Every structure is written in structure tokens, then in C-alpha cells.
Amino acid sequence: MSDRELLLLDAAIGVLAHGGIRRLTHRAVDARAGVPTGSTSNRFRTREALLTGVLGRLLERETALWTSPDVRTGAGGIDGFAVRLGGVVEALGGTDRELTLARHAVFAEAAQQPALRTALQAARRRLAAWLAPLLADLGSRDPAGDLRRLLALVDGLLAGQLVDPEDDFTPAPAIAALLHGLVDPRSASHRAGG
């Protein structure tokens, strides 16, 4: 993807975050990106192409947060993992709040557009491919099910933070409490460094 396309897609994320799905137009993206009118439509001919591009960029940026080495490291057991994952959730509810707002707008649109829904399902499978083994390492006997419950908690925490922001938003204790309730640490695998 070119630097110009990244600029336009990041601007589109900003449009979605601050105006919702109805405000997402080629012209609005051009204005937010500070580029000549028509630049976005030259790169993304249709609204569907723009939405598909936005979804790809959202997933790329969120995946970078979720899969950072800080989250993947095995040290610290459940509480250490909860602190690391809590940091990602804090960022998505704070400094990277635009990503979360835009993601919610795209998710609502995906309910109506099968192509977007398919892309989201594929992204969720990729997330599960690296996160479920981490839960297994922590002692989960049902990594897929526990992952669904963990993601539901994360989505709920983020929705609450978007609607009613807390200055001292600290999701790690809630994540730790859920994991302690789900996971039997006696069944944790012991990988090197974990």
C-alpha cells in the first residue's frame, strides 16, 4: 500500500471516528487528509472499496497493538498477561480511541455487507490463531471458548469507555478476574520463559 493510500485510509478512520458511517464520503476523506478533491475517489473508486480499504487499515493498526511483543510474552502468568492486555485495551479506549470508534462504525456496516463481514471473520480467526495458544499456556482447557468470553469482556469495556469515559480507566483487574475465573493455572503448560 502506498503512503498516499495510508494517508487517505487514516483520514477515513478519523472521519468515521468523528462523524460515523454517514459522514464517510470521498470528499470528507479528502478534506480531512488535506488533499485535492478527487484524490480519495481516484484510489478507492466506490464507497465499498473505501470501506474495504478502511477495514483493512483498521485491522492492520489494531493487530499491531494486539500482537505486540509486550502482549505475547509469557512471563507473569494470568496477572501479567492481564496487565499487558489491559494496556492494549487502555490504548484502544484512550490514545487510540479513534480506531475503536471507527471499528464500531465499520462493524455496524458489516452487518449489512457480507464482504465486510467475511473480512472481519477472517481477522477474528487470525487473532484466535495467536491468542488462543496464549490462553492454553495460561491453563485454559477451552481456549476457543475462553477467547470468545475474553473478547466479549474487552468489547464491553471499550464500549463503556467510549460512552462514559473514565479518567482512570484500568481494564487489567477485570481481565484478570475473568481469566482467574475461567482458567485453571494447574493445567498451564510450561514453555521456556513462561
Protein backbone atom coordinates (compact mmCIF):
# COMPACT_ATOMS: atom_id res chain seq x y z
CA MET A 1 0.00 0.00 0.00
CA SER A 2 1.35 3.42 -0.91
CA ASP A 3 1.97 6.24 1.54
CA ARG A 4 -0.85 8.19 -0.13
CA GLU A 5 -3.30 5.32 0.38
CA LEU A 6 -2.29 5.02 4.04
CA LEU A 7 -2.82 8.77 4.47
CA LEU A 8 -6.29 8.52 2.92
CA LEU A 9 -7.29 5.46 4.93
CA ASP A 10 -6.10 7.00 8.19
CA ALA A 11 -8.09 10.12 7.30
CA ALA A 12 -11.13 7.91 6.62
CA ILE A 13 -10.70 6.35 10.07
CA GLY A 14 -10.78 9.88 11.50
CA VAL A 15 -13.94 10.70 9.55
CA LEU A 16 -15.63 7.55 10.87
CA ALA A 17 -14.48 8.20 14.42
CA HIS A 18 -15.75 11.76 14.49
CA GLY A 19 -18.78 11.58 12.21
CA GLY A 20 -19.88 7.98 11.93
CA ILE A 21 -20.64 5.93 8.86
CA ARG A 22 -22.98 8.51 7.31
CA ARG A 23 -20.20 11.08 7.15
CA LEU A 24 -17.84 8.77 5.29
CA THR A 25 -17.62 10.20 1.79
CA HIS A 26 -14.73 10.56 -0.61
CA ARG A 27 -14.96 14.32 -0.27
CA ALA A 28 -14.88 14.18 3.56
CA VAL A 29 -11.78 11.98 3.45
CA ASP A 30 -10.10 14.38 1.01
CA ALA A 31 -10.83 17.30 3.32
CA ARG A 32 -9.57 15.50 6.43
CA ALA A 33 -6.41 14.32 4.65
CA GLY A 34 -5.79 17.80 3.26
CA VAL A 35 -5.51 16.54 -0.31
CA PRO A 36 -7.12 17.82 -3.52
CA THR A 37 -10.76 16.91 -4.11
CA GLY A 38 -10.98 13.65 -6.02
CA SER A 39 -7.84 12.11 -4.52
CA THR A 40 -9.73 9.51 -2.49
CA SER A 41 -12.05 8.54 -5.35
CA ASN A 42 -9.01 8.10 -7.60
CA ARG A 43 -7.59 5.50 -5.21
CA PHE A 44 -10.87 3.98 -3.96
CA ARG A 45 -13.42 4.23 -6.76
CA THR A 46 -16.52 3.22 -4.82
CA ARG A 47 -17.70 3.64 -1.25
CA GLU A 48 -17.47 -0.14 -0.87
CA ALA A 49 -13.83 -0.05 -1.98
CA LEU A 50 -13.17 2.72 0.52
CA LEU A 51 -14.86 0.78 3.33
CA THR A 52 -12.91 -2.35 2.44
CA GLY A 53 -9.69 -0.35 2.49
CA VAL A 54 -10.62 1.25 5.82
CA LEU A 55 -11.38 -2.13 7.33
CA GLY A 56 -8.01 -3.47 6.19
CA ARG A 57 -6.21 -0.48 7.67
CA LEU A 58 -8.16 -0.70 10.95
CA LEU A 59 -7.29 -4.36 11.26
CA GLU A 60 -3.65 -3.67 10.45
CA ARG A 61 -3.36 -0.97 13.10
CA GLU A 62 -5.29 -2.92 15.75
CA THR A 63 -3.37 -6.12 15.03
CA ALA A 64 -0.12 -4.26 15.61
CA LEU A 65 -1.38 -3.36 19.09
CA TRP A 66 -2.80 -6.79 19.92
CA THR A 67 0.20 -8.77 18.70
CA SER A 68 2.95 -6.59 20.05
CA PRO A 69 5.78 -8.43 21.81
CA ASP A 70 4.62 -6.82 25.07
CA VAL A 71 1.33 -8.74 24.90
CA ARG A 72 2.78 -12.01 23.60
CA THR A 73 5.45 -12.50 26.24
CA GLY A 74 4.62 -15.38 28.55
CA ALA A 75 6.06 -14.06 31.81
CA GLY A 76 3.83 -13.16 34.72
CA GLY A 77 1.06 -15.74 34.41
CA ILE A 78 -2.56 -14.61 34.35
CA ASP A 79 -1.95 -11.36 36.21
CA GLY A 80 0.99 -10.41 34.00
CA PHE A 81 -0.98 -11.19 30.85
CA ALA A 82 -3.96 -9.20 32.16
CA VAL A 83 -1.72 -6.17 32.75
CA ARG A 84 -0.25 -6.44 29.24
CA LEU A 85 -3.63 -6.94 27.55
CA GLY A 86 -5.11 -4.24 29.78
CA GLY A 87 -2.54 -1.85 28.35
CA VAL A 88 -3.82 -2.57 24.83
CA VAL A 89 -7.42 -2.03 25.95
CA GLU A 90 -6.41 1.21 27.69
CA ALA A 91 -4.82 2.42 24.45
CA LEU A 92 -7.89 1.47 22.41
CA GLY A 93 -10.08 3.41 24.85
CA GLY A 94 -7.67 6.35 25.12
CA THR A 95 -4.82 7.29 22.81
CA ASP A 96 -6.14 5.03 20.02
CA ARG A 97 -9.80 5.80 20.69
CA GLU A 98 -10.32 6.79 17.04
CA LEU A 99 -9.59 3.21 15.99
CA THR A 100 -12.24 1.87 18.33
CA LEU A 101 -14.86 4.42 17.27
CA ALA A 102 -14.16 3.72 13.59
CA ARG A 103 -14.21 -0.05 14.20
CA HIS A 104 -17.65 0.20 15.80
CA ALA A 105 -18.92 2.16 12.79
CA VAL A 106 -17.49 -0.40 10.36
CA PHE A 107 -18.86 -3.31 12.44
CA ALA A 108 -22.35 -1.84 12.18
CA GLU A 109 -21.93 -1.55 8.42
CA ALA A 110 -20.60 -5.12 8.21
CA ALA A 111 -23.93 -6.37 9.50
CA GLN A 112 -25.37 -5.20 6.16
CA GLN A 113 -22.42 -6.01 3.86
CA PRO A 114 -21.39 -9.66 3.55
CA ALA A 115 -17.95 -8.83 2.11
CA LEU A 116 -17.04 -6.74 5.16
CA ARG A 117 -18.45 -9.39 7.47
CA THR A 118 -16.29 -12.05 5.78
CA ALA A 119 -13.18 -9.90 6.19
CA LEU A 120 -13.96 -9.37 9.88
CA GLN A 121 -14.47 -13.09 10.42
CA ALA A 122 -11.10 -13.80 8.80
CA ALA A 123 -9.44 -11.23 11.06
CA ARG A 124 -11.04 -12.80 14.12
CA ARG A 125 -9.68 -16.21 13.08
CA ARG A 126 -6.17 -14.72 12.75
CA LEU A 127 -6.48 -13.17 16.21
CA ALA A 128 -7.62 -16.51 17.63
CA ALA A 129 -4.68 -18.29 15.99
CA TRP A 130 -2.18 -16.46 18.18
CA LEU A 131 -4.29 -15.58 21.24
CA ALA A 132 -5.91 -18.98 21.91
CA PRO A 133 -2.50 -20.67 22.39
CA LEU A 134 -1.59 -17.97 24.92
CA LEU A 135 -4.75 -18.80 26.86
CA ALA A 136 -3.88 -22.50 26.66
CA ASP A 137 -0.43 -21.70 28.06
CA LEU A 138 -2.13 -19.91 30.96
CA GLY A 139 -4.14 -23.06 31.71
CA SER A 140 -7.31 -22.72 29.65
CA ARG A 141 -8.97 -26.04 28.95
CA ASP A 142 -11.24 -24.38 26.38
CA PRO A 143 -9.07 -21.75 24.65
CA ALA A 144 -11.58 -21.03 21.88
CA GLY A 145 -14.48 -20.58 24.30
CA ASP A 146 -12.40 -18.61 26.78
CA LEU A 147 -11.20 -16.38 23.96
CA ARG A 148 -14.81 -15.59 23.00
CA ARG A 149 -15.55 -14.67 26.61
CA LEU A 150 -12.37 -12.57 26.87
CA LEU A 151 -13.16 -10.68 23.66
CA ALA A 152 -16.73 -10.08 24.85
CA LEU A 153 -15.34 -8.55 28.03
CA VAL A 154 -12.87 -6.40 26.07
CA ASP A 155 -15.62 -5.21 23.71
CA GLY A 156 -17.83 -4.37 26.70
CA LEU A 157 -15.06 -2.49 28.47
CA LEU A 158 -14.32 -0.49 25.33
CA ALA A 159 -17.98 0.29 24.66
CA GLY A 160 -18.34 1.57 28.21
CA GLN A 161 -15.22 3.69 27.87
CA LEU A 162 -16.46 5.19 24.60
CA VAL A 163 -19.87 6.11 26.02
CA ASP A 164 -18.84 7.13 29.52
CA PRO A 165 -15.06 7.72 29.59
CA GLU A 166 -13.31 7.18 32.90
CA ASP A 167 -10.17 9.19 33.60
CA ASP A 168 -8.68 6.25 35.48
CA PHE A 169 -9.71 3.53 33.00
CA THR A 170 -7.83 0.41 34.13
CA PRO A 171 -9.20 -2.73 32.49
CA ALA A 172 -6.48 -5.10 33.76
CA PRO A 173 -8.29 -6.05 37.01
CA ALA A 174 -11.46 -7.02 35.13
CA ILE A 175 -9.43 -9.04 32.63
CA ALA A 176 -7.54 -10.77 35.44
CA ALA A 177 -10.76 -11.55 37.33
CA LEU A 178 -12.33 -13.12 34.24
CA LEU A 179 -9.24 -15.18 33.47
CA HIS A 180 -8.87 -16.36 37.07
CA GLY A 181 -12.49 -17.50 36.91
CA LEU A 182 -12.02 -19.31 33.61
CA VAL A 183 -8.53 -20.72 33.76
CA ASP A 184 -7.08 -23.46 35.92
CA PRO A 185 -3.43 -22.44 36.36
CA ARG A 186 -2.57 -26.00 37.46
CA SER A 187 -3.14 -27.11 33.85
CA ALA A 188 -0.91 -24.39 32.39
CA SER A 189 1.77 -25.60 30.04
CA HIS A 190 5.26 -24.56 30.96
CA ARG A 191 7.06 -23.27 27.92
CA ALA A 192 10.51 -21.87 28.18
CA GLY A 193 10.27 -18.36 29.58
CA GLY A 194 6.59 -18.83 30.54
